[in-house]
Amino acid sequence: MKKQIIVTFVLLLCGLHSMYAQLQDQRHNFSVGFNGGVNINTVSFEPSFKQGKLMAPTFGLTGRYISEKYFRAICGLQVEVNFSQHGWKEDIDDGSGDSYLRKMNYIEVPFLAQLGFGKDKGHGVRFLIQAGPQVGFLLSEKEEKSASWHPEQRIVTEQYGKMADRKFDYGIAGGAGLEVRTGIGNFILEGRYYFGLNDFYNNTKRDYFGRSAHATIIGKLTYLFDLTN
């Protein structure tokens, strides 16, 4: 039910462009730039084990097209091509002194429908809401564990030494932020959440994990400059 609610919300938001394509108050504002920030990663595992938060980088290129203004909402579409590091960090409290984390490097492409509220043209501030689908491809992954290693003391150990079965990833991203429009470009500070819908381990009845999907909180700063207004 939770997945259905999220997907329904995103589809409604993404459908704004087609629903109001004939409105008169059109815009043709195309902007490009770059973004950078930090991922706070966990993985939704079934069966589960204790995790901390794995902080990792994300950065890439951004393009945005503002198509129209509907009532007070400035409607647009934002696309990014990012390098993004995911994975997990285990919270091992069995007294062994062990530590373990997995770093997974992806190329990701989010497609985000965007609504802005605030200053329409010129310098000023906008409040942004955006959501949409995201796809990714796993480039590489690496385990990091302590020199002293005692996995036999833990219940869930199938993840150790097991690389991802599936390189393709997809899910839903959404969040909110503030855009400051200045004479030297547009600066966007935002928070975003990524909810993975695809498991990177096989999840048939013969496999150990029934779920292994990314869940990421993202803090990001984006710089854009307008090519057309």
Protein backbone atom coordinates (compact mmCIF):
# COMPACT_ATOMS: atom_id res chain seq x y z
CA MET A 1 0.00 0.00 0.00
CA LYS A 2 2.84 2.42 0.83
CA LYS A 3 4.42 1.90 -2.60
CA GLN A 4 1.06 2.43 -4.32
CA ILE A 5 0.52 5.76 -2.51
CA ILE A 6 4.00 7.00 -3.46
CA VAL A 7 3.65 5.97 -7.11
CA THR A 8 0.17 7.53 -7.36
CA PHE A 9 1.44 10.83 -5.94
CA VAL A 10 4.35 10.96 -8.37
CA LEU A 11 2.18 10.12 -11.38
CA LEU A 12 -0.23 12.91 -10.45
CA LEU A 13 2.61 15.40 -10.10
CA CYS A 14 4.26 14.34 -13.36
CA GLY A 15 0.90 14.61 -15.15
CA LEU A 16 0.60 18.35 -14.54
CA HIS A 17 2.39 19.15 -17.80
CA SER A 18 0.01 17.19 -20.04
CA MET A 19 -3.12 18.29 -18.12
CA TYR A 20 -2.40 21.99 -18.55
CA ALA A 21 -0.42 22.04 -21.80
CA GLN A 22 -2.91 24.41 -23.43
CA LEU A 23 -2.73 27.16 -20.81
CA GLN A 24 -1.88 30.62 -22.13
CA ASP A 25 0.73 31.66 -19.59
CA GLN A 26 3.61 29.82 -21.23
CA ARG A 27 7.31 29.91 -20.30
CA HIS A 28 10.37 28.84 -22.31
CA ASN A 29 13.12 29.00 -19.70
CA PHE A 30 15.94 26.47 -20.22
CA SER A 31 18.79 26.31 -17.68
CA VAL A 32 21.86 24.12 -17.28
CA GLY A 33 24.44 23.72 -14.53
CA PHE A 34 25.88 21.33 -12.01
CA ASN A 35 25.09 19.94 -8.57
CA GLY A 36 26.85 18.40 -5.60
CA GLY A 37 25.99 17.12 -2.18
CA VAL A 38 25.91 14.23 0.23
CA ASN A 39 23.96 10.96 0.45
CA ILE A 40 22.94 9.53 3.82
CA ASN A 41 22.50 5.87 2.92
CA THR A 42 20.87 2.77 4.31
CA VAL A 43 19.56 -0.36 2.60
CA SER A 44 16.18 -1.96 3.28
CA PHE A 45 17.06 -5.60 3.91
CA GLU A 46 14.76 -8.56 4.65
CA PRO A 47 15.84 -10.25 6.88
CA SER A 48 17.20 -7.11 8.47
CA PHE A 49 20.23 -6.29 10.60
CA LYS A 50 21.32 -3.16 12.47
CA GLN A 51 22.71 -0.35 10.34
CA GLY A 52 24.21 3.05 10.87
CA LYS A 53 24.21 5.86 8.30
CA LEU A 54 26.73 5.72 5.45
CA MET A 55 27.57 9.23 4.27
CA ALA A 56 28.82 9.42 0.69
CA PRO A 57 29.13 11.93 -2.18
CA THR A 58 26.85 12.72 -5.08
CA PHE A 59 27.55 15.18 -7.92
CA GLY A 60 26.71 15.73 -11.57
CA LEU A 61 25.07 17.81 -14.29
CA THR A 62 21.60 19.37 -14.23
CA GLY A 63 19.23 20.60 -16.94
CA ARG A 64 15.86 22.27 -16.31
CA TYR A 65 13.05 23.47 -18.54
CA ILE A 66 10.31 25.76 -17.17
CA SER A 67 7.29 25.39 -19.45
CA GLU A 68 4.45 27.42 -17.92
CA LYS A 69 2.88 29.12 -14.95
CA TYR A 70 -0.43 27.68 -13.73
CA PHE A 71 -2.11 29.95 -11.18
CA ARG A 72 0.75 30.52 -8.71
CA ALA A 73 2.71 27.39 -9.60
CA ILE A 74 5.70 27.61 -11.95
CA CYS A 75 5.83 24.22 -13.69
CA GLY A 76 8.96 22.60 -15.05
CA LEU A 77 10.96 19.45 -15.60
CA GLN A 78 14.46 18.80 -14.21
CA VAL A 79 16.82 16.06 -15.42
CA GLU A 80 20.18 15.17 -13.89
CA VAL A 81 23.07 12.85 -14.72
CA ASN A 82 24.92 12.09 -11.48
CA PHE A 83 27.67 10.01 -10.00
CA SER A 84 26.20 8.83 -6.72
CA GLN A 85 27.58 6.53 -4.03
CA HIS A 86 25.20 4.30 -2.09
CA GLY A 87 25.58 1.29 0.17
CA TRP A 88 25.36 0.60 3.88
CA LYS A 89 27.28 0.67 7.14
CA GLU A 90 26.62 -2.02 9.71
CA ASP A 91 26.11 -1.25 13.37
CA ILE A 92 27.95 -4.18 14.95
CA ASP A 93 27.49 -4.27 18.74
CA ASP A 94 28.42 -7.87 19.56
CA GLY A 95 31.61 -6.90 21.37
CA SER A 96 33.90 -8.16 18.60
CA GLY A 97 35.14 -4.71 17.60
CA ASP A 98 34.36 -5.51 13.95
CA SER A 99 33.33 -2.85 11.44
CA TYR A 100 31.85 -3.28 7.97
CA LEU A 101 30.60 -1.07 5.17
CA ARG A 102 29.78 -1.48 1.49
CA LYS A 103 30.29 1.34 -1.05
CA MET A 104 28.30 1.07 -4.31
CA ASN A 105 29.01 3.56 -7.10
CA TYR A 106 26.18 4.41 -9.51
CA ILE A 107 25.47 6.58 -12.51
CA GLU A 108 21.96 7.89 -11.85
CA VAL A 109 19.41 9.82 -13.90
CA PRO A 110 16.43 11.34 -12.03
CA PHE A 111 13.52 12.79 -14.04
CA LEU A 112 11.75 15.27 -11.76
CA ALA A 113 8.54 17.21 -12.28
CA GLN A 114 9.04 20.53 -10.50
CA LEU A 115 6.64 23.10 -9.05
CA GLY A 116 7.93 26.50 -7.94
CA PHE A 117 6.18 29.10 -5.77
CA GLY A 118 7.45 32.64 -5.40
CA LYS A 119 9.30 35.05 -7.66
CA ASP A 120 8.29 34.40 -11.26
CA LYS A 121 10.84 36.44 -13.21
CA GLY A 122 14.02 38.28 -12.33
CA HIS A 123 15.87 38.09 -9.04
CA GLY A 124 14.21 36.62 -5.97
CA VAL A 125 13.40 33.43 -4.05
CA ARG A 126 11.25 30.42 -4.96
CA PHE A 127 10.08 27.47 -2.90
CA LEU A 128 10.39 24.24 -4.91
CA ILE A 129 8.66 20.87 -4.74
CA GLN A 130 9.79 18.09 -7.08
CA ALA A 131 9.27 14.37 -7.56
CA GLY A 132 9.64 11.71 -10.20
CA PRO A 133 11.25 8.43 -11.25
CA GLN A 134 14.97 7.70 -11.09
CA VAL A 135 17.08 5.06 -12.79
CA GLY A 136 20.66 4.04 -12.09
CA PHE A 137 23.41 1.68 -13.17
CA LEU A 138 25.95 0.15 -10.80
CA LEU A 139 29.52 0.86 -11.92
CA SER A 140 31.48 -0.74 -9.08
CA GLU A 141 31.28 -1.77 -5.44
CA LYS A 142 33.72 -2.40 -2.62
CA GLU A 143 33.65 -3.96 0.83
CA GLU A 144 35.53 -2.38 3.71
CA LYS A 145 35.88 -4.39 6.93
CA SER A 146 38.10 -4.34 9.98
CA ALA A 147 41.34 -6.32 10.12
CA SER A 148 39.93 -8.42 12.94
CA TRP A 149 36.88 -10.15 11.56
CA HIS A 150 34.44 -12.46 13.38
CA PRO A 151 31.30 -12.85 11.20
CA GLU A 152 30.45 -16.20 12.81
CA GLN A 153 29.13 -14.24 15.81
CA ARG A 154 26.30 -12.68 13.78
CA ILE A 155 22.98 -14.09 12.59
CA VAL A 156 22.79 -12.40 9.15
CA THR A 157 26.03 -12.97 7.21
CA GLU A 158 24.92 -13.71 3.64
CA GLN A 159 25.84 -10.18 2.52
CA TYR A 160 29.55 -10.63 3.27
CA GLY A 161 31.51 -11.24 0.09
CA LYS A 162 28.34 -11.20 -2.01
CA MET A 163 28.38 -8.63 -4.80
CA ALA A 164 25.18 -7.26 -6.35
CA ASP A 165 23.26 -9.60 -8.65
CA ARG A 166 21.51 -6.74 -10.44
CA LYS A 167 23.29 -3.66 -11.74
CA PHE A 168 20.17 -1.79 -12.89
CA ASP A 169 18.35 0.22 -10.22
CA TYR A 170 15.13 2.23 -10.25
CA GLY A 171 12.92 3.99 -7.76
CA ILE A 172 11.16 7.21 -6.79
CA ALA A 173 12.84 10.49 -5.76
CA GLY A 174 11.20 13.54 -4.27
CA GLY A 175 11.85 16.51 -2.06
CA ALA A 176 11.74 20.26 -1.54
CA GLY A 177 14.10 23.21 -1.53
CA LEU A 178 14.73 26.91 -1.98
CA GLU A 179 15.94 28.60 -5.17
CA VAL A 180 17.67 31.97 -5.02
CA ARG A 181 17.76 33.73 -8.40
CA THR A 182 20.62 36.23 -8.77
CA GLY A 183 22.42 38.15 -11.47
CA ILE A 184 25.14 35.49 -11.71
CA GLY A 185 22.84 32.46 -11.80
CA ASN A 186 20.35 30.44 -9.78
CA PHE A 187 21.29 28.61 -6.56
CA ILE A 188 19.12 25.77 -5.27
CA LEU A 189 19.47 24.22 -1.83
CA GLU A 190 17.30 21.12 -1.41
CA GLY A 191 16.60 17.98 0.57
CA ARG A 192 15.52 14.86 -1.29
CA TYR A 193 14.59 11.26 -0.49
CA TYR A 194 15.18 8.29 -2.77
CA PHE A 195 13.05 5.16 -2.30
CA GLY A 196 14.47 2.20 -4.22
CA LEU A 197 11.95 -0.14 -5.82
CA ASN A 198 14.41 -2.66 -7.26
CA ASP A 199 16.46 -5.15 -5.22
CA PHE A 200 20.15 -5.47 -6.06
CA TYR A 201 20.22 -9.07 -4.78
CA ASN A 202 18.05 -11.74 -6.36
CA ASN A 203 14.89 -12.25 -4.34
CA THR A 204 13.33 -15.54 -5.43
CA LYS A 205 12.21 -18.13 -2.86
CA ARG A 206 15.58 -19.83 -3.22
CA ASP A 207 17.51 -16.65 -2.34
CA TYR A 208 18.32 -15.52 1.18
CA PHE A 209 17.24 -11.85 0.96
CA GLY A 210 13.64 -11.05 0.16
CA ARG A 211 14.44 -7.35 -0.16
CA SER A 212 17.64 -5.36 -0.70
CA ALA A 213 16.79 -1.86 -1.93
CA HIS A 214 18.39 1.54 -1.39
CA ALA A 215 16.89 4.20 0.88
CA THR A 216 18.74 7.52 0.73
CA ILE A 217 18.36 10.99 2.21
CA ILE A 218 20.09 13.55 -0.04
CA GLY A 219 21.25 17.07 0.68
CA LYS A 220 22.22 18.95 -2.46
CA LEU A 221 23.30 22.36 -3.76
CA THR A 222 22.69 23.11 -7.45
CA TYR A 223 23.92 26.00 -9.60
CA LEU A 224 22.02 26.82 -12.82
CA PHE A 225 22.41 29.55 -15.41
CA ASP A 226 19.69 30.47 -17.87
CA LEU A 227 20.21 29.81 -21.57
CA THR A 228 16.76 31.06 -22.56
CA ASN A 229 14.14 33.08 -20.66
